[in-house]
Amino acid sequence: MPSSALPASRPDPLQRQRVVTSAVAVAAVAGATFAVAVSIDALVATDAGFVRRALALLCVGGAVVLALAARHLDAPSFGAANVVTLARGALTLLLVAVLTAPATAKAVPAAAAGWLLVALALPAVILDGFDGRLARARGEASAFGARFDMETDALLILVLAALAWQYGKAGAWILLAGLARYLFVAASYVSPWLSRALPPSRRRQTVCIVQIGTLIACVSPVVPRPASDGVALVGLALLVWSFTLDVAWLARQPRA
C-alpha cells in the first residue's frame, strides 16, 4: 500500500444509528398502515386497486422519508415525535389512495366514502396536536421534525381539498387551499425575500388546524352541499388571511 494512500474512513456510528432507527420506524408504521388498508378493503369493499395503490404509496413515501432523514436528521435517532408525524403522513397516503381511484372504479357509495375519509383524516389532525408537544417533552425538537410536520400538514390539506372537489362537496376553487403552501414556496424562488424564516406563530398553527378541520367537515356526509361550500370557504378565507399577514411581515423586513 503506497504511503500516500489514505486509510479507509470508518462509518459514523451516529449516522448509522439515525439510519437504523429511521428504517425501523418507517417499516413499523408502513406495515401497520398497510394492515389498516387491508382492513378497510375488507370492511368497505373499495375498488380492486386500493390495496395495491396503498402499498405502492407507502413504499415510495417511506423511501422518501428515509432519504431525507439520512441527509437532514440532526438528532441521534428518529425519535418518537417523528414517528407520530410519520403515522400522520401514512394516513394521508391512504387518503391519496382513495383520491387516485379510477373514476370507473369508485364502488364505494358516497356516504360510506365520506365516512371513510373522515375516519382517515380525523386521527391525522388529532395526532397533529401531539407530535410537537412530544418533541418538546422528550427533548427531540429539531429542524427536521418541524419541517417534517409542516410538509405533512401541507400534503394533508392538499389531499383533503382535492377530495372535497372530487366528491362534489366544493368547487374547484377549494384547490387553492391545498396549493397555497406550494405557491408560496414557488414564489420564494422568484422573490427570495419570501424564503426568510418566519417567527413561530400560534395564529399560523391555529389556522392550519382550522383549515384541516373545515375540510374534514366539508367531506363529511353530515354537511351537504351547499353548506359544505360555506364551510370550505371559511377555512380558505382564514388561510388566505394568514398567508397575507406572513407575506406582509416578510415585506417589512430589511433586505440585503
C-alpha atoms as a PDB file:
ATOM      1  CA  MET A   1       0.000   0.000   0.000  1.00  0.00           C
ATOM      2  CA  PRO A   2       1.575   3.341  -1.010  1.00  0.00           C
ATOM      3  CA  SER A   3       2.418   5.590   1.918  1.00  0.00           C
ATOM      4  CA  SER A   4       0.357   8.404   0.411  1.00  0.00           C
ATOM      5  CA  ALA A   5      -2.842   6.339   0.412  1.00  0.00           C
ATOM      6  CA  LEU A   6      -5.491   7.469   2.869  1.00  0.00           C
ATOM      7  CA  PRO A   7      -6.859   4.969   5.387  1.00  0.00           C
ATOM      8  CA  ALA A   8     -10.432   3.823   4.807  1.00  0.00           C
ATOM      9  CA  SER A   9     -12.859   6.063   6.653  1.00  0.00           C
ATOM     10  CA  ARG A  10     -14.871   4.389   9.356  1.00  0.00           C
ATOM     11  CA  PRO A  11     -18.655   4.690   9.226  1.00  0.00           C
ATOM     12  CA  ASP A  12     -20.106   7.279  11.594  1.00  0.00           C
ATOM     13  CA  PRO A  13     -21.857   5.337  14.411  1.00  0.00           C
ATOM     14  CA  LEU A  14     -24.289   8.212  14.996  1.00  0.00           C
ATOM     15  CA  GLN A  15     -25.247   8.340  11.323  1.00  0.00           C
ATOM     16  CA  ARG A  16     -25.726   4.581  11.312  1.00  0.00           C
ATOM     17  CA  GLN A  17     -27.982   4.883  14.370  1.00  0.00           C
ATOM     18  CA  ARG A  18     -30.064   7.543  12.612  1.00  0.00           C
ATOM     19  CA  VAL A  19     -30.495   5.369   9.535  1.00  0.00           C
ATOM     20  CA  VAL A  20     -31.340   2.222  11.502  1.00  0.00           C
ATOM     21  CA  THR A  21     -33.890   3.908  13.779  1.00  0.00           C
ATOM     22  CA  SER A  22     -35.435   5.690  10.796  1.00  0.00           C
ATOM     23  CA  ALA A  23     -35.704   2.420   8.860  1.00  0.00           C
ATOM     24  CA  VAL A  24     -37.305   0.630  11.823  1.00  0.00           C
ATOM     25  CA  ALA A  25     -39.818   3.452  12.297  1.00  0.00           C
ATOM     26  CA  VAL A  26     -40.721   3.577   8.602  1.00  0.00           C
ATOM     27  CA  ALA A  27     -41.096  -0.208   8.379  1.00  0.00           C
ATOM     28  CA  ALA A  28     -43.277  -0.373  11.511  1.00  0.00           C
ATOM     29  CA  VAL A  29     -45.573   2.498  10.519  1.00  0.00           C
ATOM     30  CA  ALA A  30     -45.826   1.354   6.895  1.00  0.00           C
ATOM     31  CA  GLY A  31     -46.662  -2.192   7.994  1.00  0.00           C
ATOM     32  CA  ALA A  32     -49.335  -1.047  10.428  1.00  0.00           C
ATOM     33  CA  THR A  33     -50.829   1.336   7.864  1.00  0.00           C
ATOM     34  CA  PHE A  34     -50.887  -1.365   5.204  1.00  0.00           C
ATOM     35  CA  ALA A  35     -52.807  -3.572   7.656  1.00  0.00           C
ATOM     36  CA  VAL A  36     -55.296  -0.694   8.025  1.00  0.00           C
ATOM     37  CA  ALA A  37     -55.627  -0.526   4.217  1.00  0.00           C
ATOM     38  CA  VAL A  38     -56.330  -4.266   4.014  1.00  0.00           C
ATOM     39  CA  SER A  39     -58.922  -3.940   6.795  1.00  0.00           C
ATOM     40  CA  ILE A  40     -60.593  -1.031   5.002  1.00  0.00           C
ATOM     41  CA  ASP A  41     -60.759  -3.064   1.822  1.00  0.00           C
ATOM     42  CA  ALA A  42     -62.375  -5.971   3.689  1.00  0.00           C
ATOM     43  CA  LEU A  43     -64.904  -3.799   5.545  1.00  0.00           C
ATOM     44  CA  VAL A  44     -65.822  -1.199   2.936  1.00  0.00           C
ATOM     45  CA  ALA A  45     -65.204  -3.157  -0.290  1.00  0.00           C
ATOM     46  CA  THR A  46     -63.105  -0.495  -2.006  1.00  0.00           C
ATOM     47  CA  ASP A  47     -62.058  -0.712  -5.635  1.00  0.00           C
ATOM     48  CA  ALA A  48     -59.795  -3.576  -6.699  1.00  0.00           C
ATOM     49  CA  GLY A  49     -56.655  -1.426  -6.857  1.00  0.00           C
ATOM     50  CA  PHE A  50     -56.950   0.338  -3.494  1.00  0.00           C
ATOM     51  CA  VAL A  51     -54.679  -2.023  -1.563  1.00  0.00           C
ATOM     52  CA  ARG A  52     -52.063  -2.071  -4.339  1.00  0.00           C
ATOM     53  CA  ARG A  53     -52.056   1.725  -4.561  1.00  0.00           C
ATOM     54  CA  ALA A  54     -51.764   1.995  -0.785  1.00  0.00           C
ATOM     55  CA  LEU A  55     -48.790  -0.385  -0.761  1.00  0.00           C
ATOM     56  CA  ALA A  56     -47.057   1.476  -3.588  1.00  0.00           C
ATOM     57  CA  LEU A  57     -47.627   4.870  -1.935  1.00  0.00           C
ATOM     58  CA  LEU A  58     -46.365   3.624   1.429  1.00  0.00           C
ATOM     59  CA  CYS A  59     -43.225   2.202  -0.190  1.00  0.00           C
ATOM     60  CA  VAL A  60     -42.491   5.402  -2.121  1.00  0.00           C
ATOM     61  CA  GLY A  61     -43.332   7.634   0.836  1.00  0.00           C
ATOM     62  CA  GLY A  62     -41.208   5.532   3.168  1.00  0.00           C
ATOM     63  CA  ALA A  63     -38.262   5.700   0.775  1.00  0.00           C
ATOM     64  CA  VAL A  64     -38.561   9.486   0.564  1.00  0.00           C
ATOM     65  CA  VAL A  65     -38.655   9.847   4.356  1.00  0.00           C
ATOM     66  CA  LEU A  66     -35.654   7.540   4.747  1.00  0.00           C
ATOM     67  CA  ALA A  67     -33.640   9.501   2.184  1.00  0.00           C
ATOM     68  CA  LEU A  68     -34.476  12.834   3.810  1.00  0.00           C
ATOM     69  CA  ALA A  69     -33.812  11.541   7.329  1.00  0.00           C
ATOM     70  CA  ALA A  70     -30.433  10.139   6.299  1.00  0.00           C
ATOM     71  CA  ARG A  71     -29.489  13.526   4.900  1.00  0.00           C
ATOM     72  CA  HIS A  72     -31.151  16.049   7.214  1.00  0.00           C
ATOM     73  CA  LEU A  73     -32.000  14.397  10.534  1.00  0.00           C
ATOM     74  CA  ASP A  74     -29.908  16.158  13.167  1.00  0.00           C
ATOM     75  CA  ALA A  75     -30.848  14.036  16.198  1.00  0.00           C
ATOM     76  CA  PRO A  76     -29.241  10.805  17.444  1.00  0.00           C
ATOM     77  CA  SER A  77     -32.321   8.777  16.457  1.00  0.00           C
ATOM     78  CA  PHE A  78     -35.576   9.165  14.528  1.00  0.00           C
ATOM     79  CA  GLY A  79     -37.494   9.933  17.704  1.00  0.00           C
ATOM     80  CA  ALA A  80     -40.992   9.265  18.990  1.00  0.00           C
ATOM     81  CA  ALA A  81     -42.312  12.661  17.855  1.00  0.00           C
ATOM     82  CA  ASN A  82     -41.254  11.996  14.276  1.00  0.00           C
ATOM     83  CA  VAL A  83     -42.928   8.579  14.477  1.00  0.00           C
ATOM     84  CA  VAL A  84     -46.212  10.352  15.288  1.00  0.00           C
ATOM     85  CA  THR A  85     -45.720  12.656  12.296  1.00  0.00           C
ATOM     86  CA  LEU A  86     -44.857   9.627  10.191  1.00  0.00           C
ATOM     87  CA  ALA A  87     -48.140   7.972  11.193  1.00  0.00           C
ATOM     88  CA  ARG A  88     -49.988  11.143  10.154  1.00  0.00           C
ATOM     89  CA  GLY A  89     -48.221  11.071   6.805  1.00  0.00           C
ATOM     90  CA  ALA A  90     -49.073   7.391   6.315  1.00  0.00           C
ATOM     91  CA  LEU A  91     -52.771   8.069   6.940  1.00  0.00           C
ATOM     92  CA  THR A  92     -52.550  10.891   4.413  1.00  0.00           C
ATOM     93  CA  LEU A  93     -51.173   8.436   1.860  1.00  0.00           C
ATOM     94  CA  LEU A  94     -54.225   6.232   2.391  1.00  0.00           C
ATOM     95  CA  LEU A  95     -56.320   9.284   1.531  1.00  0.00           C
ATOM     96  CA  VAL A  96     -54.203   9.641  -1.624  1.00  0.00           C
ATOM     97  CA  ALA A  97     -55.022   6.012  -2.436  1.00  0.00           C
ATOM     98  CA  VAL A  98     -58.729   6.898  -2.202  1.00  0.00           C
ATOM     99  CA  LEU A  99     -58.210  10.048  -4.273  1.00  0.00           C
ATOM    100  CA  THR A 100     -56.415   8.243  -7.088  1.00  0.00           C
ATOM    101  CA  ALA A 101     -59.079   5.583  -7.649  1.00  0.00           C
ATOM    102  CA  PRO A 102     -60.129   5.463 -11.324  1.00  0.00           C
ATOM    103  CA  ALA A 103     -63.462   7.186 -11.927  1.00  0.00           C
ATOM    104  CA  THR A 104     -64.913   3.933 -13.278  1.00  0.00           C
ATOM    105  CA  ALA A 105     -63.779   2.008 -10.194  1.00  0.00           C
ATOM    106  CA  LYS A 106     -65.413   4.052  -7.428  1.00  0.00           C
ATOM    107  CA  ALA A 107     -67.536   1.259  -5.990  1.00  0.00           C
ATOM    108  CA  VAL A 108     -67.931   2.810  -2.514  1.00  0.00           C
ATOM    109  CA  PRO A 109     -71.254   4.684  -2.005  1.00  0.00           C
ATOM    110  CA  ALA A 110     -70.855   8.414  -1.469  1.00  0.00           C
ATOM    111  CA  ALA A 111     -71.919   8.315   2.191  1.00  0.00           C
ATOM    112  CA  ALA A 112     -69.584   5.415   3.014  1.00  0.00           C
ATOM    113  CA  ALA A 113     -66.745   7.143   1.153  1.00  0.00           C
ATOM    114  CA  GLY A 114     -67.337  10.313   3.150  1.00  0.00           C
ATOM    115  CA  TRP A 115     -67.151   8.462   6.473  1.00  0.00           C
ATOM    116  CA  LEU A 116     -64.032   6.659   5.274  1.00  0.00           C
ATOM    117  CA  LEU A 117     -62.368   9.992   4.534  1.00  0.00           C
ATOM    118  CA  VAL A 118     -63.331  11.300   7.977  1.00  0.00           C
ATOM    119  CA  ALA A 119     -62.078   8.114   9.670  1.00  0.00           C
ATOM    120  CA  LEU A 120     -58.673   8.508   7.998  1.00  0.00           C
ATOM    121  CA  ALA A 121     -58.311  12.281   8.287  1.00  0.00           C
ATOM    122  CA  LEU A 122     -59.565  12.779  11.849  1.00  0.00           C
ATOM    123  CA  PRO A 123     -56.757  10.776  13.529  1.00  0.00           C
ATOM    124  CA  ALA A 124     -54.237  12.617  11.361  1.00  0.00           C
ATOM    125  CA  VAL A 125     -55.389  16.001  12.645  1.00  0.00           C
ATOM    126  CA  ILE A 126     -55.760  14.797  16.257  1.00  0.00           C
ATOM    127  CA  LEU A 127     -52.206  13.454  16.229  1.00  0.00           C
ATOM    128  CA  ASP A 128     -51.057  16.863  14.980  1.00  0.00           C
ATOM    129  CA  GLY A 129     -51.565  18.120  18.499  1.00  0.00           C
ATOM    130  CA  PHE A 130     -49.190  15.542  19.951  1.00  0.00           C
ATOM    131  CA  ASP A 131     -46.033  15.427  17.840  1.00  0.00           C
ATOM    132  CA  GLY A 132     -44.854  18.935  18.741  1.00  0.00           C
ATOM    133  CA  ARG A 133     -45.623  18.508  22.434  1.00  0.00           C
ATOM    134  CA  LEU A 134     -43.953  15.114  22.473  1.00  0.00           C
ATOM    135  CA  ALA A 135     -40.844  16.528  20.805  1.00  0.00           C
ATOM    136  CA  ARG A 136     -40.551  19.286  23.395  1.00  0.00           C
ATOM    137  CA  ALA A 137     -41.289  16.976  26.325  1.00  0.00           C
ATOM    138  CA  ARG A 138     -38.673  14.431  25.204  1.00  0.00           C
ATOM    139  CA  GLY A 139     -36.094  16.987  24.083  1.00  0.00           C
ATOM    140  CA  GLU A 140     -36.457  15.814  20.468  1.00  0.00           C
ATOM    141  CA  ALA A 141     -37.337  19.150  18.864  1.00  0.00           C
ATOM    142  CA  SER A 142     -35.322  19.609  15.667  1.00  0.00           C
ATOM    143  CA  ALA A 143     -35.352  21.480  12.375  1.00  0.00           C
ATOM    144  CA  PHE A 144     -36.029  18.188  10.569  1.00  0.00           C
ATOM    145  CA  GLY A 145     -39.014  17.422  12.803  1.00  0.00           C
ATOM    146  CA  ALA A 146     -40.508  20.888  12.382  1.00  0.00           C
ATOM    147  CA  ARG A 147     -40.170  20.724   8.593  1.00  0.00           C
ATOM    148  CA  PHE A 148     -41.491  17.146   8.501  1.00  0.00           C
ATOM    149  CA  ASP A 149     -44.570  18.242  10.470  1.00  0.00           C
ATOM    150  CA  MET A 150     -45.154  21.279   8.248  1.00  0.00           C
ATOM    151  CA  GLU A 151     -44.899  19.333   4.986  1.00  0.00           C
ATOM    152  CA  THR A 152     -47.212  16.627   6.338  1.00  0.00           C
ATOM    153  CA  ASP A 153     -49.793  19.305   7.165  1.00  0.00           C
ATOM    154  CA  ALA A 154     -49.436  20.800   3.692  1.00  0.00           C
ATOM    155  CA  LEU A 155     -49.903  17.424   1.992  1.00  0.00           C
ATOM    156  CA  LEU A 156     -52.959  16.602   4.130  1.00  0.00           C
ATOM    157  CA  ILE A 157     -54.591  19.933   3.249  1.00  0.00           C
ATOM    158  CA  LEU A 158     -53.873  19.416  -0.460  1.00  0.00           C
ATOM    159  CA  VAL A 159     -55.313  15.887  -0.476  1.00  0.00           C
ATOM    160  CA  LEU A 160     -58.429  16.851   1.502  1.00  0.00           C
ATOM    161  CA  ALA A 161     -59.039  19.828  -0.784  1.00  0.00           C
ATOM    162  CA  ALA A 162     -58.748  17.587  -3.847  1.00  0.00           C
ATOM    163  CA  LEU A 163     -61.129  15.055  -2.277  1.00  0.00           C
ATOM    164  CA  ALA A 164     -63.660  17.792  -1.450  1.00  0.00           C
ATOM    165  CA  TRP A 165     -63.618  18.813  -5.106  1.00  0.00           C
ATOM    166  CA  GLN A 166     -63.592  15.244  -6.422  1.00  0.00           C
ATOM    167  CA  TYR A 167     -66.592  14.217  -4.342  1.00  0.00           C
ATOM    168  CA  GLY A 168     -68.572  17.309  -5.299  1.00  0.00           C
ATOM    169  CA  LYS A 169     -68.524  18.966  -1.853  1.00  0.00           C
ATOM    170  CA  ALA A 170     -66.875  22.182  -3.075  1.00  0.00           C
ATOM    171  CA  GLY A 171     -65.936  23.853  -6.352  1.00  0.00           C
ATOM    172  CA  ALA A 172     -62.514  23.729  -7.960  1.00  0.00           C
ATOM    173  CA  TRP A 173     -61.664  26.927  -6.059  1.00  0.00           C
ATOM    174  CA  ILE A 174     -61.064  24.821  -2.919  1.00  0.00           C
ATOM    175  CA  LEU A 175     -57.865  23.552  -4.533  1.00  0.00           C
ATOM    176  CA  LEU A 176     -56.348  26.936  -3.671  1.00  0.00           C
ATOM    177  CA  ALA A 177     -56.350  25.835  -0.020  1.00  0.00           C
ATOM    178  CA  GLY A 178     -54.171  22.866  -0.894  1.00  0.00           C
ATOM    179  CA  LEU A 179     -51.938  24.738  -3.302  1.00  0.00           C
ATOM    180  CA  ALA A 180     -51.338  27.839  -1.148  1.00  0.00           C
ATOM    181  CA  ARG A 181     -48.240  26.460   0.598  1.00  0.00           C
ATOM    182  CA  TYR A 182     -46.701  25.256  -2.672  1.00  0.00           C
ATOM    183  CA  LEU A 183     -47.465  28.506  -4.484  1.00  0.00           C
ATOM    184  CA  PHE A 184     -45.792  30.386  -1.632  1.00  0.00           C
ATOM    185  CA  VAL A 185     -42.673  28.207  -1.945  1.00  0.00           C
ATOM    186  CA  ALA A 186     -42.642  28.643  -5.731  1.00  0.00           C
ATOM    187  CA  ALA A 187     -42.942  32.425  -5.331  1.00  0.00           C
ATOM    188  CA  SER A 188     -39.924  32.423  -2.999  1.00  0.00           C
ATOM    189  CA  TYR A 189     -37.730  31.281  -5.896  1.00  0.00           C
ATOM    190  CA  VAL A 190     -38.810  34.358  -7.862  1.00  0.00           C
ATOM    191  CA  SER A 191     -38.693  36.690  -4.842  1.00  0.00           C
ATOM    192  CA  PRO A 192     -36.039  35.345  -2.449  1.00  0.00           C
ATOM    193  CA  TRP A 193     -37.184  37.624   0.387  1.00  0.00           C
ATOM    194  CA  LEU A 194     -40.177  35.303   0.770  1.00  0.00           C
ATOM    195  CA  SER A 195     -37.851  32.463   1.753  1.00  0.00           C
ATOM    196  CA  ARG A 196     -36.755  34.120   5.002  1.00  0.00           C
ATOM    197  CA  ALA A 197     -37.617  32.293   8.209  1.00  0.00           C
ATOM    198  CA  LEU A 198     -40.878  33.339   9.812  1.00  0.00           C
ATOM    199  CA  PRO A 199     -41.126  33.671  13.605  1.00  0.00           C
ATOM    200  CA  PRO A 200     -43.142  30.985  15.440  1.00  0.00           C
ATOM    201  CA  SER A 201     -46.822  31.853  15.378  1.00  0.00           C
ATOM    202  CA  ARG A 202     -49.744  30.450  17.355  1.00  0.00           C
ATOM    203  CA  ARG A 203     -52.019  32.087  14.792  1.00  0.00           C
ATOM    204  CA  ARG A 204     -50.412  30.124  11.958  1.00  0.00           C
ATOM    205  CA  GLN A 205     -50.754  26.841  13.840  1.00  0.00           C
ATOM    206  CA  THR A 206     -54.387  27.548  14.728  1.00  0.00           C
ATOM    207  CA  VAL A 207     -55.338  28.456  11.165  1.00  0.00           C
ATOM    208  CA  CYS A 208     -53.702  25.248   9.917  1.00  0.00           C
ATOM    209  CA  ILE A 209     -55.783  23.148  12.322  1.00  0.00           C
ATOM    210  CA  VAL A 210     -58.950  25.070  11.460  1.00  0.00           C
ATOM    211  CA  GLN A 211     -58.250  24.649   7.740  1.00  0.00           C
ATOM    212  CA  ILE A 212     -57.896  20.883   8.113  1.00  0.00           C
ATOM    213  CA  GLY A 213     -60.965  20.756  10.347  1.00  0.00           C
ATOM    214  CA  THR A 214     -63.131  22.637   7.854  1.00  0.00           C
ATOM    215  CA  LEU A 215     -62.015  20.346   5.046  1.00  0.00           C
ATOM    216  CA  ILE A 216     -62.850  17.253   7.110  1.00  0.00           C
ATOM    217  CA  ALA A 217     -66.275  18.750   7.840  1.00  0.00           C
ATOM    218  CA  CYS A 218     -66.629  19.558   4.148  1.00  0.00           C
ATOM    219  CA  VAL A 219     -66.128  15.942   3.028  1.00  0.00           C
ATOM    220  CA  SER A 220     -68.270  14.583   5.875  1.00  0.00           C
ATOM    221  CA  PRO A 221     -71.686  13.209   4.854  1.00  0.00           C
ATOM    222  CA  VAL A 222     -73.363  15.244   7.601  1.00  0.00           C
ATOM    223  CA  VAL A 223     -72.532  18.516   5.799  1.00  0.00           C
ATOM    224  CA  PRO A 224     -74.403  18.514   2.461  1.00  0.00           C
ATOM    225  CA  ARG A 225     -73.896  20.979  -0.317  1.00  0.00           C
ATOM    226  CA  PRO A 226     -74.272  23.992  -0.403  1.00  0.00           C
ATOM    227  CA  ALA A 227     -73.419  24.119   3.320  1.00  0.00           C
ATOM    228  CA  SER A 228     -70.133  22.355   2.563  1.00  0.00           C
ATOM    229  CA  ASP A 229     -69.216  25.208   0.222  1.00  0.00           C
ATOM    230  CA  GLY A 230     -69.690  27.680   3.055  1.00  0.00           C
ATOM    231  CA  VAL A 231     -67.619  25.631   5.498  1.00  0.00           C
ATOM    232  CA  ALA A 232     -64.823  25.246   2.964  1.00  0.00           C
ATOM    233  CA  LEU A 233     -64.919  28.951   2.143  1.00  0.00           C
ATOM    234  CA  VAL A 234     -64.468  29.901   5.809  1.00  0.00           C
ATOM    235  CA  GLY A 235     -61.346  27.744   6.060  1.00  0.00           C
ATOM    236  CA  LEU A 236     -59.939  29.110   2.809  1.00  0.00           C
ATOM    237  CA  ALA A 237     -60.578  32.718   3.850  1.00  0.00           C
ATOM    238  CA  LEU A 238     -58.705  32.169   7.126  1.00  0.00           C
ATOM    239  CA  LEU A 239     -55.811  30.549   5.290  1.00  0.00           C
ATOM    240  CA  VAL A 240     -55.533  33.400   2.777  1.00  0.00           C
ATOM    241  CA  TRP A 241     -55.670  35.915   5.664  1.00  0.00           C
ATOM    242  CA  SER A 242     -52.861  34.070   7.490  1.00  0.00           C
ATOM    243  CA  PHE A 243     -50.659  33.915   4.380  1.00  0.00           C
ATOM    244  CA  THR A 244     -51.323  37.608   3.730  1.00  0.00           C
ATOM    245  CA  LEU A 245     -50.119  38.509   7.220  1.00  0.00           C
ATOM    246  CA  ASP A 246     -46.956  36.444   6.751  1.00  0.00           C
ATOM    247  CA  VAL A 247     -46.190  37.988   3.370  1.00  0.00           C
ATOM    248  CA  ALA A 248     -46.785  41.479   4.798  1.00  0.00           C
ATOM    249  CA  TRP A 249     -44.406  40.743   7.692  1.00  0.00           C
ATOM    250  CA  LEU A 250     -41.711  39.493   5.306  1.00  0.00           C
ATOM    251  CA  ALA A 251     -42.173  42.531   3.067  1.00  0.00           C
ATOM    252  CA  ARG A 252     -41.478  44.860   6.008  1.00  0.00           C
ATOM    253  CA  GLN A 253     -38.155  43.234   6.848  1.00  0.00           C
ATOM    254  CA  PRO A 254     -34.979  44.959   5.596  1.00  0.00           C
ATOM    255  CA  ARG A 255     -33.484  43.372   2.507  1.00  0.00           C
ATOM    256  CA  ALA A 256     -29.801  42.908   1.823  1.00  0.00           C
END
